């Protein structure tokens, strides 16, 4: 059900708006899942160095932070104004 808050400004809903952002969230979620598996494999290696574990944890933290931005209710639903959606894209 479309919603309008101004002349020619319509909000149409979750499934039809900003499909690129939704795909990025889906892709990032898949990457986090794969990263978790790699992290687990790295940690159980006997010769793993603390620096390697720290590097993997930092990458994981960065990915979760970016995914968190996109999971904000205005970003994932597609109800954000265009300039806000652009800002979400720049931040991630």
N, C-alpha and C. Protein backbone atom coordinates (compact mmCIF):
# COMPACT_ATOMS: atom_id res chain seq x y z
N UNK A 1 0.85 -1.17 0.00
CA UNK A 1 0.00 0.00 0.00
C UNK A 1 0.90 1.24 0.00
N UNK A 2 0.91 2.01 -1.04
CA UNK A 2 1.76 3.20 -1.08
C UNK A 2 1.36 4.24 -0.05
N UNK A 3 2.38 4.94 0.45
CA UNK A 3 2.18 6.02 1.40
C UNK A 3 2.86 7.25 0.84
N UNK A 4 2.23 8.40 0.93
CA UNK A 4 2.82 9.63 0.42
C UNK A 4 2.95 10.64 1.55
N UNK A 5 4.12 11.27 1.60
CA UNK A 5 4.31 12.32 2.59
C UNK A 5 4.63 13.66 1.93
N UNK A 6 4.35 13.76 0.64
CA UNK A 6 4.58 15.00 -0.09
C UNK A 6 4.26 14.80 -1.57
N UNK A 7 4.28 15.88 -2.31
CA UNK A 7 4.03 15.80 -3.75
C UNK A 7 5.09 14.91 -4.40
N UNK A 8 4.64 13.88 -5.09
CA UNK A 8 5.51 12.96 -5.80
C UNK A 8 6.51 12.24 -4.91
N UNK A 9 6.24 12.12 -3.61
CA UNK A 9 7.08 11.37 -2.67
C UNK A 9 6.28 10.20 -2.13
N UNK A 10 6.50 9.03 -2.72
CA UNK A 10 5.74 7.85 -2.31
C UNK A 10 6.66 6.82 -1.67
N UNK A 11 6.17 6.20 -0.65
CA UNK A 11 6.86 5.10 0.02
C UNK A 11 6.06 3.85 -0.32
N UNK A 12 6.70 2.86 -0.93
CA UNK A 12 5.92 1.73 -1.43
C UNK A 12 6.15 0.43 -0.68
N UNK A 13 7.16 0.30 0.09
CA UNK A 13 7.27 -0.90 0.89
C UNK A 13 8.53 -1.70 0.74
N UNK A 14 8.63 -2.67 1.61
CA UNK A 14 9.84 -3.46 1.78
C UNK A 14 10.26 -4.21 0.52
N UNK A 15 9.36 -4.91 -0.13
CA UNK A 15 9.76 -5.81 -1.20
C UNK A 15 10.06 -5.12 -2.52
N UNK A 16 9.61 -3.92 -2.69
CA UNK A 16 9.78 -3.27 -3.99
C UNK A 16 10.77 -2.11 -3.98
N UNK A 17 11.34 -1.78 -2.84
CA UNK A 17 12.21 -0.61 -2.79
C UNK A 17 13.65 -0.98 -2.45
N UNK A 18 14.57 -0.30 -3.06
CA UNK A 18 16.00 -0.42 -2.85
C UNK A 18 16.50 -1.88 -2.88
N UNK A 19 16.27 -2.56 -3.98
CA UNK A 19 16.70 -3.96 -4.06
C UNK A 19 18.22 -4.12 -3.97
N UNK A 20 18.96 -3.13 -4.41
CA UNK A 20 20.42 -3.20 -4.31
C UNK A 20 20.90 -3.27 -2.87
N UNK A 21 20.28 -2.49 -2.00
CA UNK A 21 20.65 -2.51 -0.58
C UNK A 21 20.29 -3.85 0.04
N UNK A 22 19.15 -4.38 -0.33
CA UNK A 22 18.73 -5.67 0.21
C UNK A 22 19.68 -6.79 -0.24
N UNK A 23 20.13 -6.71 -1.50
CA UNK A 23 21.08 -7.70 -2.00
C UNK A 23 22.40 -7.57 -1.26
N UNK A 24 22.83 -6.36 -0.99
CA UNK A 24 24.08 -6.18 -0.26
C UNK A 24 23.99 -6.78 1.14
N UNK A 25 22.86 -6.60 1.81
CA UNK A 25 22.66 -7.20 3.14
C UNK A 25 22.73 -8.72 3.04
N UNK A 26 22.08 -9.27 2.03
CA UNK A 26 22.10 -10.74 1.85
C UNK A 26 23.52 -11.22 1.57
N UNK A 27 24.23 -10.53 0.69
CA UNK A 27 25.61 -10.92 0.38
C UNK A 27 26.52 -10.80 1.60
N UNK A 28 26.37 -9.70 2.34
CA UNK A 28 27.19 -9.51 3.54
C UNK A 28 26.91 -10.57 4.59
N UNK A 29 25.66 -10.95 4.72
CA UNK A 29 25.31 -12.01 5.68
C UNK A 29 25.98 -13.32 5.29
N UNK A 30 26.02 -13.61 4.00
CA UNK A 30 26.69 -14.82 3.53
C UNK A 30 28.19 -14.75 3.80
N UNK A 31 28.76 -13.57 3.59
CA UNK A 31 30.19 -13.41 3.85
C UNK A 31 30.51 -13.58 5.34
N UNK A 32 29.65 -13.07 6.20
CA UNK A 32 29.88 -13.24 7.64
C UNK A 32 29.82 -14.71 8.02
N UNK A 33 28.89 -15.44 7.44
CA UNK A 33 28.80 -16.86 7.71
C UNK A 33 30.08 -17.58 7.27
N UNK A 34 30.57 -17.27 6.10
CA UNK A 34 31.80 -17.88 5.61
C UNK A 34 32.99 -17.45 6.48
N UNK A 35 33.01 -16.20 6.87
CA UNK A 35 34.08 -15.68 7.71
C UNK A 35 34.11 -16.40 9.06
N UNK A 36 32.94 -16.69 9.61
CA UNK A 36 32.88 -17.42 10.89
C UNK A 36 33.51 -18.80 10.76
N UNK A 37 33.26 -19.45 9.63
CA UNK A 37 33.86 -20.77 9.42
C UNK A 37 35.38 -20.67 9.29
N UNK A 38 35.84 -19.67 8.53
CA UNK A 38 37.29 -19.48 8.38
C UNK A 38 37.94 -19.14 9.71
N UNK A 39 37.28 -18.30 10.50
CA UNK A 39 37.81 -17.94 11.81
C UNK A 39 37.95 -19.19 12.68
N UNK A 40 36.94 -20.02 12.68
CA UNK A 40 36.99 -21.24 13.48
C UNK A 40 38.15 -22.13 13.04
N UNK A 41 38.33 -22.28 11.74
CA UNK A 41 39.43 -23.09 11.24
C UNK A 41 40.78 -22.50 11.62
N UNK A 42 40.88 -21.18 11.56
CA UNK A 42 42.14 -20.51 11.88
C UNK A 42 42.49 -20.68 13.35
N UNK A 43 41.50 -20.54 14.21
CA UNK A 43 41.75 -20.59 15.65
C UNK A 43 42.20 -21.99 16.11
N UNK A 44 41.70 -23.04 15.47
CA UNK A 44 42.07 -24.39 15.92
C UNK A 44 43.43 -24.86 15.38
N UNK A 45 44.02 -24.06 14.51
CA UNK A 45 45.36 -24.40 14.03
C UNK A 45 46.36 -24.23 15.18
N UNK A 46 47.26 -25.17 15.31
CA UNK A 46 48.23 -25.12 16.41
C UNK A 46 49.24 -23.99 16.24
N UNK A 47 49.57 -23.66 15.02
CA UNK A 47 50.63 -22.68 14.78
C UNK A 47 50.09 -21.27 14.50
N UNK A 48 48.84 -21.02 14.84
CA UNK A 48 48.25 -19.72 14.57
C UNK A 48 48.90 -18.64 15.46
N UNK A 49 49.12 -17.50 14.86
CA UNK A 49 49.71 -16.38 15.59
C UNK A 49 48.60 -15.45 16.08
N UNK A 50 48.84 -14.81 17.21
CA UNK A 50 47.87 -13.88 17.77
C UNK A 50 47.51 -12.77 16.78
N UNK A 51 48.50 -12.32 16.00
CA UNK A 51 48.26 -11.25 15.02
C UNK A 51 47.27 -11.71 13.95
N UNK A 52 47.36 -12.96 13.55
CA UNK A 52 46.43 -13.49 12.54
C UNK A 52 45.01 -13.55 13.09
N UNK A 53 44.86 -13.98 14.32
CA UNK A 53 43.54 -14.03 14.95
C UNK A 53 42.98 -12.62 15.08
N UNK A 54 43.82 -11.68 15.49
CA UNK A 54 43.39 -10.28 15.64
C UNK A 54 42.95 -9.70 14.30
N UNK A 55 43.65 -10.04 13.22
CA UNK A 55 43.29 -9.55 11.89
C UNK A 55 41.92 -10.08 11.46
N UNK A 56 41.69 -11.35 11.70
CA UNK A 56 40.40 -11.94 11.34
C UNK A 56 39.29 -11.33 12.18
N UNK A 57 39.53 -11.14 13.47
CA UNK A 57 38.52 -10.52 14.33
C UNK A 57 38.21 -9.08 13.91
N UNK A 58 39.22 -8.34 13.49
CA UNK A 58 39.01 -6.96 13.04
C UNK A 58 38.16 -6.94 11.77
N UNK A 59 38.43 -7.84 10.84
CA UNK A 59 37.64 -7.92 9.61
C UNK A 59 36.19 -8.27 9.94
N UNK A 60 36.02 -9.19 10.88
CA UNK A 60 34.67 -9.58 11.28
C UNK A 60 33.94 -8.40 11.93
N UNK A 61 34.61 -7.67 12.79
CA UNK A 61 34.01 -6.51 13.45
C UNK A 61 33.59 -5.45 12.43
N UNK A 62 34.45 -5.20 11.44
CA UNK A 62 34.13 -4.21 10.40
C UNK A 62 32.90 -4.64 9.60
N UNK A 63 32.84 -5.91 9.24
CA UNK A 63 31.71 -6.40 8.47
C UNK A 63 30.42 -6.30 9.27
N UNK A 64 30.46 -6.67 10.55
CA UNK A 64 29.26 -6.59 11.39
C UNK A 64 28.80 -5.14 11.56
N UNK A 65 29.75 -4.22 11.67
CA UNK A 65 29.40 -2.81 11.81
C UNK A 65 28.70 -2.31 10.55
N UNK A 66 29.23 -2.65 9.39
CA UNK A 66 28.61 -2.23 8.13
C UNK A 66 27.24 -2.87 7.94
N UNK A 67 27.12 -4.13 8.29
CA UNK A 67 25.83 -4.81 8.17
C UNK A 67 24.82 -4.17 9.12
N UNK A 68 25.27 -3.80 10.30
CA UNK A 68 24.39 -3.15 11.27
C UNK A 68 23.82 -1.84 10.74
N UNK A 69 24.63 -1.09 10.00
CA UNK A 69 24.15 0.16 9.40
C UNK A 69 23.03 -0.15 8.41
N UNK A 70 23.23 -1.14 7.57
CA UNK A 70 22.22 -1.48 6.57
C UNK A 70 20.97 -2.11 7.17
N UNK A 71 21.09 -2.68 8.36
CA UNK A 71 19.93 -3.29 8.98
C UNK A 71 19.08 -2.29 9.76
N UNK A 72 19.48 -1.03 9.75
CA UNK A 72 18.66 0.01 10.37
C UNK A 72 17.29 0.00 9.70
N UNK A 73 16.26 0.28 10.45
CA UNK A 73 14.90 0.12 9.93
C UNK A 73 14.62 0.94 8.68
N UNK A 74 15.21 2.10 8.52
CA UNK A 74 14.98 2.89 7.30
C UNK A 74 15.80 2.38 6.12
N UNK A 75 16.94 1.79 6.42
CA UNK A 75 17.79 1.30 5.32
C UNK A 75 17.23 0.02 4.72
N UNK A 76 16.96 -0.97 5.53
CA UNK A 76 16.55 -2.27 5.00
C UNK A 76 15.13 -2.23 4.44
N UNK A 77 14.27 -1.40 4.98
CA UNK A 77 12.91 -1.34 4.45
C UNK A 77 12.82 -0.49 3.20
N UNK A 78 13.81 0.36 2.97
CA UNK A 78 13.79 1.22 1.81
C UNK A 78 12.97 2.48 2.00
N UNK A 79 12.65 2.82 3.24
CA UNK A 79 11.81 3.99 3.49
C UNK A 79 12.61 5.26 3.73
N UNK A 80 13.93 5.17 3.70
CA UNK A 80 14.76 6.35 3.91
C UNK A 80 14.67 7.29 2.70
N UNK A 81 14.81 8.56 2.96
CA UNK A 81 14.91 9.53 1.87
C UNK A 81 16.16 9.22 1.05
N UNK A 82 16.21 9.71 -0.19
CA UNK A 82 17.31 9.37 -1.09
C UNK A 82 18.66 9.80 -0.53
N UNK A 83 18.75 11.00 0.06
CA UNK A 83 20.04 11.45 0.57
C UNK A 83 20.50 10.59 1.75
N UNK A 84 19.57 10.06 2.51
CA UNK A 84 19.91 9.16 3.63
C UNK A 84 20.37 7.81 3.08
N UNK A 85 19.68 7.29 2.09
CA UNK A 85 20.07 6.03 1.46
C UNK A 85 21.48 6.15 0.87
N UNK A 86 21.77 7.28 0.27
CA UNK A 86 23.11 7.52 -0.28
C UNK A 86 24.14 7.50 0.84
N UNK A 87 23.82 8.09 1.97
CA UNK A 87 24.72 8.11 3.12
C UNK A 87 24.98 6.69 3.63
N UNK A 88 23.95 5.86 3.69
CA UNK A 88 24.13 4.47 4.10
C UNK A 88 25.12 3.78 3.17
N UNK A 89 25.00 4.02 1.88
CA UNK A 89 25.87 3.40 0.90
C UNK A 89 27.32 3.86 1.08
N UNK A 90 27.50 5.14 1.34
CA UNK A 90 28.85 5.66 1.54
C UNK A 90 29.49 5.07 2.80
N UNK A 91 28.71 4.94 3.86
CA UNK A 91 29.23 4.42 5.13
C UNK A 91 29.62 2.96 5.06
N UNK A 92 28.99 2.22 4.20
CA UNK A 92 29.31 0.81 4.11
C UNK A 92 30.25 0.61 2.97
